[in-house]
PDB file of N, CA and C in Angstrom:
ATOM      1  N   MET A   1     186.983  89.603 -88.449  1.00  0.00           N
ATOM      2  CA  MET A   1     187.804  89.793 -87.273  1.00  0.00           C
ATOM      3  C   MET A   1     188.413  91.184 -87.331  1.00  0.00           C
ATOM      4  N   SER A   2     188.335  91.893 -86.244  1.00  0.00           N
ATOM      5  CA  SER A   2     188.889  93.238 -86.230  1.00  0.00           C
ATOM      6  C   SER A   2     190.390  93.203 -85.961  1.00  0.00           C
ATOM      7  N   VAL A   3     191.038  94.302 -86.252  1.00  0.00           N
ATOM      8  CA  VAL A   3     192.479  94.399 -86.047  1.00  0.00           C
ATOM      9  C   VAL A   3     192.817  94.240 -84.568  1.00  0.00           C
ATOM     10  N   ALA A   4     192.025  94.820 -83.688  1.00  0.00           N
ATOM     11  CA  ALA A   4     192.292  94.706 -82.251  1.00  0.00           C
ATOM     12  C   ALA A   4     192.285  93.245 -81.816  1.00  0.00           C
ATOM     13  N   ASN A   5     191.335  92.464 -82.305  1.00  0.00           N
ATOM     14  CA  ASN A   5     191.287  91.050 -81.952  1.00  0.00           C
ATOM     15  C   ASN A   5     192.495  90.306 -82.497  1.00  0.00           C
ATOM     16  N   LEU A   6     192.921  90.637 -83.691  1.00  0.00           N
ATOM     17  CA  LEU A   6     194.077  89.985 -84.282  1.00  0.00           C
ATOM     18  C   LEU A   6     195.319  90.258 -83.450  1.00  0.00           C
ATOM     19  N   ARG A   7     195.503  91.478 -83.019  1.00  0.00           N
ATOM     20  CA  ARG A   7     196.671  91.812 -82.192  1.00  0.00           C
ATOM     21  C   ARG A   7     196.647  91.044 -80.881  1.00  0.00           C
ATOM     22  N   GLU A   8     195.471  90.770 -80.358  1.00  0.00           N
ATOM     23  CA  GLU A   8     195.357  90.018 -79.107  1.00  0.00           C
ATOM     24  C   GLU A   8     195.721  88.549 -79.294  1.00  0.00           C
ATOM     25  N   THR A   9     195.554  88.012 -80.485  1.00  0.00           N
ATOM     26  CA  THR A   9     195.813  86.593 -80.710  1.00  0.00           C
ATOM     27  C   THR A   9     197.181  86.328 -81.328  1.00  0.00           C
ATOM     28  N   LEU A  10     197.906  87.358 -81.727  1.00  0.00           N
ATOM     29  CA  LEU A  10     199.224  87.187 -82.334  1.00  0.00           C
ATOM     30  C   LEU A  10     200.257  86.918 -81.246  1.00  0.00           C
ATOM     31  N   ARG A  11     201.083  85.906 -81.466  1.00  0.00           N
ATOM     32  CA  ARG A  11     202.137  85.538 -80.530  1.00  0.00           C
ATOM     33  C   ARG A  11     203.462  85.458 -81.283  1.00  0.00           C
ATOM     34  N   TYR A  12     204.560  85.522 -80.540  1.00  0.00           N
ATOM     35  CA  TYR A  12     205.867  85.390 -81.182  1.00  0.00           C
ATOM     36  C   TYR A  12     206.876  84.826 -80.189  1.00  0.00           C
ATOM     37  N   SER A  13     207.958  84.301 -80.740  1.00  0.00           N
ATOM     38  CA  SER A  13     209.104  83.912 -79.922  1.00  0.00           C
ATOM     39  C   SER A  13     210.364  84.156 -80.743  1.00  0.00           C
ATOM     40  N   ILE A  14     211.423  84.488 -80.044  1.00  0.00           N
ATOM     41  CA  ILE A  14     212.740  84.643 -80.655  1.00  0.00           C
ATOM     42  C   ILE A  14     213.673  83.701 -79.902  1.00  0.00           C
ATOM     43  N   THR A  15     214.212  82.720 -80.622  1.00  0.00           N
ATOM     44  CA  THR A  15     215.067  81.723 -79.988  1.00  0.00           C
ATOM     45  C   THR A  15     216.409  81.634 -80.715  1.00  0.00           C
ATOM     46  N   PRO A  16     217.474  81.427 -79.958  1.00  0.00           N
ATOM     47  CA  PRO A  16     218.789  81.284 -80.582  1.00  0.00           C
ATOM     48  C   PRO A  16     218.868  80.018 -81.426  1.00  0.00           C
ATOM     49  N   CYS A  17     219.640  80.082 -82.496  1.00  0.00           N
ATOM     50  CA  CYS A  17     219.936  78.907 -83.311  1.00  0.00           C
ATOM     51  C   CYS A  17     221.407  78.988 -83.712  1.00  0.00           C
ATOM     52  N   ALA A  18     221.890  77.984 -84.398  1.00  0.00           N
ATOM     53  CA  ALA A  18     223.327  77.883 -84.705  1.00  0.00           C
ATOM     54  C   ALA A  18     223.879  79.101 -85.437  1.00  0.00           C
ATOM     55  N   ASP A  19     223.089  79.672 -86.344  1.00  0.00           N
ATOM     56  CA  ASP A  19     223.607  80.778 -87.153  1.00  0.00           C
ATOM     57  C   ASP A  19     222.910  82.108 -86.876  1.00  0.00           C
ATOM     58  N   GLY A  20     222.316  82.279 -85.700  1.00  0.00           N
ATOM     59  CA  GLY A  20     221.641  83.528 -85.354  1.00  0.00           C
ATOM     60  C   GLY A  20     220.462  83.275 -84.447  1.00  0.00           C
ATOM     61  N   VAL A  21     219.273  83.680 -84.898  1.00  0.00           N
ATOM     62  CA  VAL A  21     218.041  83.479 -84.131  1.00  0.00           C
ATOM     63  C   VAL A  21     216.927  83.050 -85.069  1.00  0.00           C
ATOM     64  N   THR A  22     215.903  82.457 -84.493  1.00  0.00           N
ATOM     65  CA  THR A  22     214.688  82.137 -85.235  1.00  0.00           C
ATOM     66  C   THR A  22     213.546  82.938 -84.642  1.00  0.00           C
ATOM     67  N   LEU A  23     212.883  83.707 -85.484  1.00  0.00           N
ATOM     68  CA  LEU A  23     211.677  84.439 -85.100  1.00  0.00           C
ATOM     69  C   LEU A  23     210.493  83.610 -85.571  1.00  0.00           C
ATOM     70  N   SER A  24     209.631  83.236 -84.636  1.00  0.00           N
ATOM     71  CA  SER A  24     208.388  82.536 -84.956  1.00  0.00           C
ATOM     72  C   SER A  24     207.232  83.471 -84.639  1.00  0.00           C
ATOM     73  N   VAL A  25     206.316  83.601 -85.574  1.00  0.00           N
ATOM     74  CA  VAL A  25     205.126  84.443 -85.390  1.00  0.00           C
ATOM     75  C   VAL A  25     203.925  83.577 -85.738  1.00  0.00           C
ATOM     76  N   TRP A  26     202.919  83.585 -84.868  1.00  0.00           N
ATOM     77  CA  TRP A  26     201.725  82.800 -85.143  1.00  0.00           C
ATOM     78  C   TRP A  26     200.503  83.489 -84.567  1.00  0.00           C
ATOM     79  N   GLU A  27     199.353  83.115 -85.105  1.00  0.00           N
ATOM     80  CA  GLU A  27     198.075  83.635 -84.614  1.00  0.00           C
ATOM     81  C   GLU A  27     197.325  82.493 -83.962  1.00  0.00           C
ATOM     82  N   MET A  28     196.945  82.692 -82.722  1.00  0.00           N
ATOM     83  CA  MET A  28     196.212  81.672 -81.978  1.00  0.00           C
ATOM     84  C   MET A  28     194.811  81.515 -82.555  1.00  0.00           C
ATOM     85  N   ALA A  29     194.365  80.282 -82.628  1.00  0.00           N
ATOM     86  CA  ALA A  29     193.014  79.985 -83.111  1.00  0.00           C
ATOM     87  C   ALA A  29     192.021  80.179 -81.966  1.00  0.00           C
ATOM     88  N   ARG A  30     190.830  80.540 -82.330  1.00  0.00           N
ATOM     89  CA  ARG A  30     189.737  80.643 -81.366  1.00  0.00           C
ATOM     90  C   ARG A  30     188.621  79.732 -81.823  1.00  0.00           C
ATOM     91  N   GLY A  31     187.815  79.285 -80.899  1.00  0.00           N
ATOM     92  CA  GLY A  31     186.650  78.496 -81.275  1.00  0.00           C
ATOM     93  C   GLY A  31     186.826  77.012 -81.041  1.00  0.00           C
ATOM     94  N   SER A  32     185.902  76.244 -81.570  1.00  0.00           N
ATOM     95  CA  SER A  32     185.823  74.824 -81.275  1.00  0.00           C
ATOM     96  C   SER A  32     186.950  74.004 -81.893  1.00  0.00           C
ATOM     97  N   HIS A  33     187.611  74.480 -82.911  1.00  0.00           N
ATOM     98  CA  HIS A  33     188.656  73.708 -83.578  1.00  0.00           C
ATOM     99  C   HIS A  33     190.041  73.983 -83.001  1.00  0.00           C
ATOM    100  N   ALA A  34     190.102  74.743 -81.921  1.00  0.00           N
ATOM    101  CA  ALA A  34     191.400  75.128 -81.360  1.00  0.00           C
ATOM    102  C   ALA A  34     192.211  73.918 -80.903  1.00  0.00           C
ATOM    103  N   LYS A  35     191.555  72.838 -80.472  1.00  0.00           N
ATOM    104  CA  LYS A  35     192.297  71.648 -80.039  1.00  0.00           C
ATOM    105  C   LYS A  35     192.971  70.964 -81.224  1.00  0.00           C
ATOM    106  N   ASP A  36     192.294  70.956 -82.364  1.00  0.00           N
ATOM    107  CA  ASP A  36     192.844  70.321 -83.557  1.00  0.00           C
ATOM    108  C   ASP A  36     193.898  71.186 -84.223  1.00  0.00           C
ATOM    109  N   GLN A  37     193.651  72.481 -84.265  1.00  0.00           N
ATOM    110  CA  GLN A  37     194.559  73.434 -84.907  1.00  0.00           C
ATOM    111  C   GLN A  37     194.762  74.603 -83.948  1.00  0.00           C
ATOM    112  N   PRO A  38     195.791  74.540 -83.090  1.00  0.00           N
ATOM    113  CA  PRO A  38     195.952  75.574 -82.076  1.00  0.00           C
ATOM    114  C   PRO A  38     196.302  76.951 -82.635  1.00  0.00           C
ATOM    115  N   PHE A  39     196.690  77.013 -83.920  1.00  0.00           N
ATOM    116  CA  PHE A  39     196.976  78.317 -84.506  1.00  0.00           C
ATOM    117  C   PHE A  39     196.437  78.371 -85.927  1.00  0.00           C
ATOM    118  N   LEU A  40     196.147  79.593 -86.392  1.00  0.00           N
ATOM    119  CA  LEU A  40     195.637  79.809 -87.738  1.00  0.00           C
ATOM    120  C   LEU A  40     196.768  79.858 -88.751  1.00  0.00           C
ATOM    121  N   PHE A  41     197.897  80.437 -88.354  1.00  0.00           N
ATOM    122  CA  PHE A  41     199.082  80.419 -89.199  1.00  0.00           C
ATOM    123  C   PHE A  41     200.305  80.484 -88.301  1.00  0.00           C
ATOM    124  N   LYS A  42     201.400  79.994 -88.816  1.00  0.00           N
ATOM    125  CA  LYS A  42     202.678  80.114 -88.116  1.00  0.00           C
ATOM    126  C   LYS A  42     203.762  80.242 -89.177  1.00  0.00           C
ATOM    127  N   ILE A  43     204.680  81.175 -88.932  1.00  0.00           N
ATOM    128  CA  ILE A  43     205.783  81.392 -89.858  1.00  0.00           C
ATOM    129  C   ILE A  43     207.072  81.514 -89.052  1.00  0.00           C
ATOM    130  N   ASN A  44     208.126  80.922 -89.578  1.00  0.00           N
ATOM    131  CA  ASN A  44     209.439  80.979 -88.937  1.00  0.00           C
ATOM    132  C   ASN A  44     210.420  81.688 -89.862  1.00  0.00           C
ATOM    133  N   HIS A  45     211.198  82.585 -89.289  1.00  0.00           N
ATOM    134  CA  HIS A  45     212.240  83.308 -90.030  1.00  0.00           C
ATOM    135  C   HIS A  45     213.564  83.087 -89.321  1.00  0.00           C
ATOM    136  N   ARG A  46     214.581  82.682 -90.053  1.00  0.00           N
ATOM    137  CA  ARG A  46     215.933  82.624 -89.498  1.00  0.00           C
ATOM    138  C   ARG A  46     216.631  83.925 -89.839  1.00  0.00           C
ATOM    139  N   LEU A  47     217.158  84.555 -88.807  1.00  0.00           N
ATOM    140  CA  LEU A  47     217.801  85.857 -88.972  1.00  0.00           C
ATOM    141  C   LEU A  47     219.161  85.833 -88.295  1.00  0.00           C
ATOM    142  N   SER A  48     220.007  86.759 -88.690  1.00  0.00           N
ATOM    143  CA  SER A  48     221.381  86.750 -88.191  1.00  0.00           C
ATOM    144  C   SER A  48     221.522  87.324 -86.782  1.00  0.00           C
ATOM    145  N   SER A  49     220.538  88.113 -86.323  1.00  0.00           N
ATOM    146  CA  SER A  49     220.684  88.734 -85.005  1.00  0.00           C
ATOM    147  C   SER A  49     219.329  88.985 -84.350  1.00  0.00           C
ATOM    148  N   GLN A  50     219.391  89.189 -83.052  1.00  0.00           N
ATOM    149  CA  GLN A  50     218.205  89.558 -82.256  1.00  0.00           C
ATOM    150  C   GLN A  50     217.626  90.878 -82.766  1.00  0.00           C
ATOM    151  N   GLU A  51     218.486  91.792 -83.128  1.00  0.00           N
ATOM    152  CA  GLU A  51     218.035  93.098 -83.622  1.00  0.00           C
ATOM    153  C   GLU A  51     217.259  92.948 -84.927  1.00  0.00           C
ATOM    154  N   ASP A  52     217.745  92.096 -85.837  1.00  0.00           N
ATOM    155  CA  ASP A  52     217.025  91.855 -87.092  1.00  0.00           C
ATOM    156  C   ASP A  52     215.656  91.236 -86.818  1.00  0.00           C
ATOM    157  N   ALA A  53     215.611  90.309 -85.868  1.00  0.00           N
ATOM    158  CA  ALA A  53     214.342  89.676 -85.512  1.00  0.00           C
ATOM    159  C   ALA A  53     213.377  90.706 -84.938  1.00  0.00           C
ATOM    160  N   GLN A  54     213.867  91.587 -84.099  1.00  0.00           N
ATOM    161  CA  GLN A  54     213.018  92.616 -83.501  1.00  0.00           C
ATOM    162  C   GLN A  54     212.474  93.561 -84.572  1.00  0.00           C
ATOM    163  N   ARG A  55     213.301  93.924 -85.542  1.00  0.00           N
ATOM    164  CA  ARG A  55     212.846  94.802 -86.626  1.00  0.00           C
ATOM    165  C   ARG A  55     211.758  94.126 -87.460  1.00  0.00           C
ATOM    166  N   LEU A  56     211.943  92.862 -87.776  1.00  0.00           N
ATOM    167  CA  LEU A  56     210.934  92.146 -88.553  1.00  0.00           C
ATOM    168  C   LEU A  56     209.636  92.020 -87.762  1.00  0.00           C
ATOM    169  N   LEU A  57     209.737  91.732 -86.484  1.00  0.00           N
ATOM    170  CA  LEU A  57     208.545  91.664 -85.634  1.00  0.00           C
ATOM    171  C   LEU A  57     207.816  93.013 -85.623  1.00  0.00           C
ATOM    172  N   GLU A  58     208.553  94.093 -85.564  1.00  0.00           N
ATOM    173  CA  GLU A  58     207.936  95.429 -85.589  1.00  0.00           C
ATOM    174  C   GLU A  58     207.181  95.652 -86.894  1.00  0.00           C
ATOM    175  N   HIS A  59     207.670  95.105 -88.011  1.00  0.00           N
ATOM    176  CA  HIS A  59     206.954  95.210 -89.286  1.00  0.00           C
ATOM    177  C   HIS A  59     205.614  94.482 -89.221  1.00  0.00           C
ATOM    178  N   TYR A  60     205.611  93.294 -88.631  1.00  0.00           N
ATOM    179  CA  TYR A  60     204.342  92.565 -88.464  1.00  0.00           C
ATOM    180  C   TYR A  60     203.369  93.397 -87.637  1.00  0.00           C
ATOM    181  N   LEU A  61     203.842  93.950 -86.538  1.00  0.00           N
ATOM    182  CA  LEU A  61     202.964  94.717 -85.656  1.00  0.00           C
ATOM    183  C   LEU A  61     202.501  96.015 -86.306  1.00  0.00           C
ATOM    184  N   LEU A  62     203.353  96.644 -87.089  1.00  0.00           N
ATOM    185  CA  LEU A  62     202.988  97.867 -87.797  1.00  0.00           C
ATOM    186  C   LEU A  62     201.888  97.573 -88.815  1.00  0.00           C
ATOM    187  N   TYR A  63     202.007  96.441 -89.503  1.00  0.00           N
ATOM    188  CA  TYR A  63     201.008  96.048 -90.479  1.00  0.00           C
ATOM    189  C   TYR A  63     199.638  95.878 -89.831  1.00  0.00           C
ATOM    190  N   LEU A  64     199.614  95.440 -88.577  1.00  0.00           N
ATOM    191  CA  LEU A  64     198.345  95.182 -87.892  1.00  0.00           C
ATOM    192  C   LEU A  64     197.733  96.436 -87.292  1.00  0.00           C
ATOM    193  N   SER A  65     198.499  97.512 -87.191  1.00  0.00           N
ATOM    194  CA  SER A  65     197.934  98.711 -86.553  1.00  0.00           C
ATOM    195  C   SER A  65     197.278  99.645 -87.545  1.00  0.00           C
TER     196      SER A  65
END
């Protein structure tokens, strides 16, 4: 899989939680098993602020470029 394809399948969300925000990052699955496993990986990070979540997300995106 090329880096360009990976960037196209990477998704994220930042949602508020009791002590800050939760950053979720996942890669969408492609192919016949997508119904059984809609993503290849998913990771959740609890962070103290939206800014911290944005910085961590930028690290993920930098790694992929």
